[in-house]
């Protein structure tokens, strides 16, 4: 998995929800954010086997000088929300 990749949760109470990979570690975990329930300040830790990756990788550095914000993540995940509100 890559930083900025859009993934879907495969299990847990957040099953089926889209997330963005914020970071990862060497123990097989990724840290996910959706900008709402899981903001950048408190990412969700999940095993990589519990997420379904997509082919979409977002450029997290392209937001400019103000830095990455939760609103950017929410906006990018709108096409993947399947009718669920992310605002």
C-alpha atoms as a PDB file:
ATOM      1  CA  UNK A   1       0.000   0.000   0.000  1.00  0.00           C
ATOM      2  CA  UNK A   2       1.050   3.550  -0.647  1.00  0.00           C
ATOM      3  CA  UNK A   3       0.626   6.744   1.327  1.00  0.00           C
ATOM      4  CA  UNK A   4      -2.411   8.562  -0.091  1.00  0.00           C
ATOM      5  CA  UNK A   5      -4.061   5.415  -1.456  1.00  0.00           C
ATOM      6  CA  UNK A   6      -7.846   5.205  -1.164  1.00  0.00           C
ATOM      7  CA  UNK A   7      -8.945   2.023   0.619  1.00  0.00           C
ATOM      8  CA  UNK A   8     -12.175   0.514   1.925  1.00  0.00           C
ATOM      9  CA  UNK A   9     -12.543  -1.098   5.324  1.00  0.00           C
ATOM     10  CA  UNK A  10     -13.412  -4.803   5.055  1.00  0.00           C
ATOM     11  CA  UNK A  11     -14.395  -5.439   8.671  1.00  0.00           C
ATOM     12  CA  UNK A  12     -15.389  -3.710  11.881  1.00  0.00           C
ATOM     13  CA  UNK A  13     -18.063  -1.128  12.486  1.00  0.00           C
ATOM     14  CA  UNK A  14     -16.555   1.017   9.736  1.00  0.00           C
ATOM     15  CA  UNK A  15     -16.994  -1.776   7.164  1.00  0.00           C
ATOM     16  CA  UNK A  16     -17.457  -0.450   3.629  1.00  0.00           C
ATOM     17  CA  UNK A  17     -16.329   3.091   4.419  1.00  0.00           C
ATOM     18  CA  UNK A  18     -13.624   4.794   2.339  1.00  0.00           C
ATOM     19  CA  UNK A  19     -10.388   5.956   3.953  1.00  0.00           C
ATOM     20  CA  UNK A  20      -7.051   7.377   2.845  1.00  0.00           C
ATOM     21  CA  UNK A  21      -3.805   5.718   3.947  1.00  0.00           C
ATOM     22  CA  UNK A  22      -2.077   8.370   6.052  1.00  0.00           C
ATOM     23  CA  UNK A  23       0.953   6.318   7.113  1.00  0.00           C
ATOM     24  CA  UNK A  24       2.092   2.753   7.656  1.00  0.00           C
ATOM     25  CA  UNK A  25       4.524   0.848   9.831  1.00  0.00           C
ATOM     26  CA  UNK A  26       6.709  -2.229   9.438  1.00  0.00           C
ATOM     27  CA  UNK A  27       4.397  -4.467  11.500  1.00  0.00           C
ATOM     28  CA  UNK A  28       1.674  -4.738   8.847  1.00  0.00           C
ATOM     29  CA  UNK A  29      -0.468  -1.842  10.045  1.00  0.00           C
ATOM     30  CA  UNK A  30      -1.745   1.181   8.154  1.00  0.00           C
ATOM     31  CA  UNK A  31      -3.101   4.387   9.666  1.00  0.00           C
ATOM     32  CA  UNK A  32      -6.288   5.585   7.982  1.00  0.00           C
ATOM     33  CA  UNK A  33      -8.113   8.892   7.941  1.00  0.00           C
ATOM     34  CA  UNK A  34     -11.456  10.001   6.527  1.00  0.00           C
ATOM     35  CA  UNK A  35     -11.387  13.606   7.732  1.00  0.00           C
ATOM     36  CA  UNK A  36     -14.536  13.230   9.836  1.00  0.00           C
ATOM     37  CA  UNK A  37     -14.783  10.271  12.210  1.00  0.00           C
ATOM     38  CA  UNK A  38     -11.057   9.694  11.922  1.00  0.00           C
ATOM     39  CA  UNK A  39      -9.351  13.080  11.525  1.00  0.00           C
ATOM     40  CA  UNK A  40      -5.680  13.552  10.707  1.00  0.00           C
ATOM     41  CA  UNK A  41      -4.940  14.097  14.401  1.00  0.00           C
ATOM     42  CA  UNK A  42      -6.361  10.671  15.342  1.00  0.00           C
ATOM     43  CA  UNK A  43      -5.961   8.163  12.485  1.00  0.00           C
ATOM     44  CA  UNK A  44      -7.410   4.644  12.635  1.00  0.00           C
ATOM     45  CA  UNK A  45      -4.881   1.823  13.028  1.00  0.00           C
ATOM     46  CA  UNK A  46      -5.818  -1.256  10.974  1.00  0.00           C
ATOM     47  CA  UNK A  47      -4.069  -4.351   9.719  1.00  0.00           C
ATOM     48  CA  UNK A  48      -3.441  -4.292   5.993  1.00  0.00           C
ATOM     49  CA  UNK A  49      -5.412  -7.519   5.539  1.00  0.00           C
ATOM     50  CA  UNK A  50      -8.522  -5.718   6.838  1.00  0.00           C
ATOM     51  CA  UNK A  51      -8.599  -3.081   4.085  1.00  0.00           C
ATOM     52  CA  UNK A  52      -9.409  -3.341   0.379  1.00  0.00           C
ATOM     53  CA  UNK A  53      -7.093  -1.111  -1.680  1.00  0.00           C
ATOM     54  CA  UNK A  54      -8.190   0.742  -4.796  1.00  0.00           C
ATOM     55  CA  UNK A  55      -6.051   1.891  -7.708  1.00  0.00           C
ATOM     56  CA  UNK A  56      -6.469   5.536  -6.702  1.00  0.00           C
ATOM     57  CA  UNK A  57      -3.514   7.242  -5.016  1.00  0.00           C
ATOM     58  CA  UNK A  58      -4.023  10.860  -3.944  1.00  0.00           C
ATOM     59  CA  UNK A  59      -1.190  13.378  -3.922  1.00  0.00           C
ATOM     60  CA  UNK A  60      -1.296  14.517  -0.301  1.00  0.00           C
ATOM     61  CA  UNK A  61       1.402  17.139  -0.862  1.00  0.00           C
ATOM     62  CA  UNK A  62      -0.526  18.983  -3.592  1.00  0.00           C
ATOM     63  CA  UNK A  63      -2.630  21.044  -1.167  1.00  0.00           C
ATOM     64  CA  UNK A  64      -0.258  23.991  -1.133  1.00  0.00           C
ATOM     65  CA  UNK A  65       1.272  26.059   1.613  1.00  0.00           C
ATOM     66  CA  UNK A  66      -1.594  25.753   4.100  1.00  0.00           C
ATOM     67  CA  UNK A  67      -0.906  22.044   4.585  1.00  0.00           C
ATOM     68  CA  UNK A  68      -3.159  19.008   4.510  1.00  0.00           C
ATOM     69  CA  UNK A  69      -6.457  19.446   6.347  1.00  0.00           C
ATOM     70  CA  UNK A  70      -9.417  17.204   7.172  1.00  0.00           C
ATOM     71  CA  UNK A  71     -11.599  19.125   4.707  1.00  0.00           C
ATOM     72  CA  UNK A  72      -9.260  18.082   1.874  1.00  0.00           C
ATOM     73  CA  UNK A  73      -9.642  14.418   2.797  1.00  0.00           C
ATOM     74  CA  UNK A  74     -13.451  14.708   3.010  1.00  0.00           C
ATOM     75  CA  UNK A  75     -13.584  16.382  -0.405  1.00  0.00           C
ATOM     76  CA  UNK A  76     -11.403  13.700  -2.028  1.00  0.00           C
ATOM     77  CA  UNK A  77     -13.492  10.864  -0.584  1.00  0.00           C
ATOM     78  CA  UNK A  78     -16.877  12.170  -1.830  1.00  0.00           C
ATOM     79  CA  UNK A  79     -16.799  10.055  -5.038  1.00  0.00           C
ATOM     80  CA  UNK A  80     -16.211   6.915  -2.929  1.00  0.00           C
ATOM     81  CA  UNK A  81     -18.851   7.572  -0.283  1.00  0.00           C
ATOM     82  CA  UNK A  82     -21.720   5.805  -2.149  1.00  0.00           C
ATOM     83  CA  UNK A  83     -24.396   8.160  -0.877  1.00  0.00           C
ATOM     84  CA  UNK A  84     -23.111   8.458   2.702  1.00  0.00           C
ATOM     85  CA  UNK A  85     -22.456  11.923   4.002  1.00  0.00           C
ATOM     86  CA  UNK A  86     -18.852  12.653   4.845  1.00  0.00           C
ATOM     87  CA  UNK A  87     -19.263  16.302   5.801  1.00  0.00           C
END
